[in-house]
């Protein structure tokens, strides 16, 4: 594996360990990690976790959310193994085409996003 793959694995494993520790300390609080994976190809954005339902998505902007991809699937994950599985799923859906240099080159850019949501309950309110 490449050096960056090892770092990502260690970072993610540490994240899930820390979340487990925080849940033990304060079980009333909630933590969730979500995974998404998109591809930018020919100036269009595609959800790599959408399977055969491949359609171009729109990039939007709002004051509350900033920039976001409308309709992008976010999948909850609970371990690095689940992240690896989603990455393999998304990678299998990437656009590849032959070039003069490589028979299975990708002419696209891939973006992986992990989102951590933390809900801290204080005095009966979120």
Protein backbone atom coordinates (compact mmCIF):
# COMPACT_ATOMS: atom_id res chain seq x y z
CA UNK A 1 0.00 0.00 0.00
CA UNK A 2 1.03 3.57 -0.60
CA UNK A 3 2.14 5.74 2.35
CA UNK A 4 -1.02 7.85 2.14
CA UNK A 5 -3.26 4.76 2.32
CA UNK A 6 -1.58 3.74 5.59
CA UNK A 7 -2.04 7.26 6.98
CA UNK A 8 -5.70 7.34 6.02
CA UNK A 9 -6.23 3.92 7.63
CA UNK A 10 -4.51 5.00 10.86
CA UNK A 11 -6.41 8.29 10.96
CA UNK A 12 -9.77 6.57 10.43
CA UNK A 13 -9.07 3.83 12.95
CA UNK A 14 -8.04 6.47 15.51
CA UNK A 15 -11.24 8.40 14.77
CA UNK A 16 -13.45 5.37 15.47
CA UNK A 17 -11.46 4.51 18.63
CA UNK A 18 -11.88 8.07 19.93
CA UNK A 19 -15.61 8.02 19.10
CA UNK A 20 -15.95 4.78 21.08
CA UNK A 21 -14.18 6.34 24.06
CA UNK A 22 -16.40 9.43 23.90
CA UNK A 23 -19.55 7.26 23.74
CA UNK A 24 -18.43 5.43 26.89
CA UNK A 25 -17.80 8.72 28.70
CA UNK A 26 -21.11 10.27 27.65
CA UNK A 27 -23.50 7.66 26.21
CA UNK A 28 -26.24 10.27 25.76
CA UNK A 29 -24.22 11.96 23.00
CA UNK A 30 -24.37 10.78 19.39
CA UNK A 31 -21.57 10.44 16.83
CA UNK A 32 -21.86 9.43 13.19
CA UNK A 33 -19.41 9.23 10.30
CA UNK A 34 -20.75 9.41 6.76
CA UNK A 35 -18.90 8.54 3.56
CA UNK A 36 -19.43 9.93 0.07
CA UNK A 37 -17.45 9.57 -3.14
CA UNK A 38 -17.86 11.58 -6.31
CA UNK A 39 -16.22 11.86 -9.69
CA UNK A 40 -15.69 14.94 -11.82
CA UNK A 41 -15.57 13.90 -15.48
CA UNK A 42 -15.96 16.16 -18.52
CA UNK A 43 -17.01 19.04 -16.23
CA UNK A 44 -19.87 16.97 -14.76
CA UNK A 45 -20.19 15.56 -11.23
CA UNK A 46 -21.28 11.94 -10.66
CA UNK A 47 -22.04 9.99 -7.47
CA UNK A 48 -19.78 6.92 -7.46
CA UNK A 49 -22.00 5.17 -4.89
CA UNK A 50 -25.18 5.49 -6.99
CA UNK A 51 -24.45 2.28 -8.88
CA UNK A 52 -26.06 2.02 -12.31
CA UNK A 53 -28.13 5.18 -11.72
CA UNK A 54 -25.40 7.38 -13.18
CA UNK A 55 -26.62 10.91 -13.78
CA UNK A 56 -24.92 14.28 -13.54
CA UNK A 57 -25.45 16.08 -10.22
CA UNK A 58 -25.57 19.81 -9.63
CA UNK A 59 -23.22 21.78 -7.38
CA UNK A 60 -25.19 24.20 -5.22
CA UNK A 61 -24.38 26.87 -2.65
CA UNK A 62 -26.36 28.04 0.35
CA UNK A 63 -25.59 30.25 3.31
CA UNK A 64 -26.29 27.40 5.74
CA UNK A 65 -24.33 24.61 3.98
CA UNK A 66 -21.83 26.42 1.80
CA UNK A 67 -21.02 24.50 -1.40
CA UNK A 68 -22.57 21.03 -1.72
CA UNK A 69 -23.50 18.47 -4.36
CA UNK A 70 -27.26 18.10 -4.60
CA UNK A 71 -28.35 14.45 -4.46
CA UNK A 72 -24.97 13.04 -3.42
CA UNK A 73 -25.42 9.83 -1.43
CA UNK A 74 -23.89 9.85 2.06
CA UNK A 75 -23.51 6.41 3.60
CA UNK A 76 -23.02 5.88 7.35
CA UNK A 77 -19.82 3.96 8.16
CA UNK A 78 -18.72 2.51 11.48
CA UNK A 79 -15.19 1.24 10.80
CA UNK A 80 -12.25 1.60 8.47
CA UNK A 81 -13.25 -1.73 6.88
CA UNK A 82 -16.59 -0.18 5.88
CA UNK A 83 -14.74 2.82 4.44
CA UNK A 84 -12.50 0.49 2.42
CA UNK A 85 -15.58 -1.37 1.15
CA UNK A 86 -17.26 1.87 0.04
CA UNK A 87 -14.03 3.03 -1.62
CA UNK A 88 -13.83 -0.27 -3.54
CA UNK A 89 -17.48 0.12 -4.58
CA UNK A 90 -16.91 3.68 -5.78
CA UNK A 91 -13.65 2.82 -7.53
CA UNK A 92 -15.44 0.08 -9.48
CA UNK A 93 -17.89 2.74 -10.76
CA UNK A 94 -15.23 5.21 -11.94
CA UNK A 95 -14.97 6.23 -15.58
CA UNK A 96 -11.95 4.66 -17.28
CA UNK A 97 -10.87 4.82 -20.89
CA UNK A 98 -7.74 3.92 -22.79
CA UNK A 99 -5.13 6.57 -23.46
CA UNK A 100 -1.87 6.36 -25.39
CA UNK A 101 -0.02 5.92 -22.09
CA UNK A 102 -2.35 3.60 -20.16
CA UNK A 103 -5.06 1.12 -21.18
CA UNK A 104 -7.19 1.77 -18.08
CA UNK A 105 -6.51 5.43 -17.39
CA UNK A 106 -9.05 7.58 -15.62
CA UNK A 107 -9.56 11.01 -17.09
CA UNK A 108 -11.56 12.02 -14.07
CA UNK A 109 -10.96 13.39 -10.60
CA UNK A 110 -12.28 11.52 -7.57
CA UNK A 111 -13.25 13.18 -4.29
CA UNK A 112 -13.85 11.21 -1.09
CA UNK A 113 -15.55 12.95 1.81
CA UNK A 114 -15.89 11.79 5.41
CA UNK A 115 -18.33 13.79 7.51
CA UNK A 116 -18.35 13.52 11.30
CA UNK A 117 -21.57 14.60 12.98
CA UNK A 118 -21.54 15.08 16.73
CA UNK A 119 -24.69 15.76 18.77
CA UNK A 120 -23.97 16.78 22.34
CA UNK A 121 -26.97 16.64 24.66
CA UNK A 122 -26.98 19.20 27.45
CA UNK A 123 -29.79 19.62 29.98
CA UNK A 124 -32.36 17.69 27.92
CA UNK A 125 -31.69 19.60 24.68
CA UNK A 126 -29.49 18.80 21.65
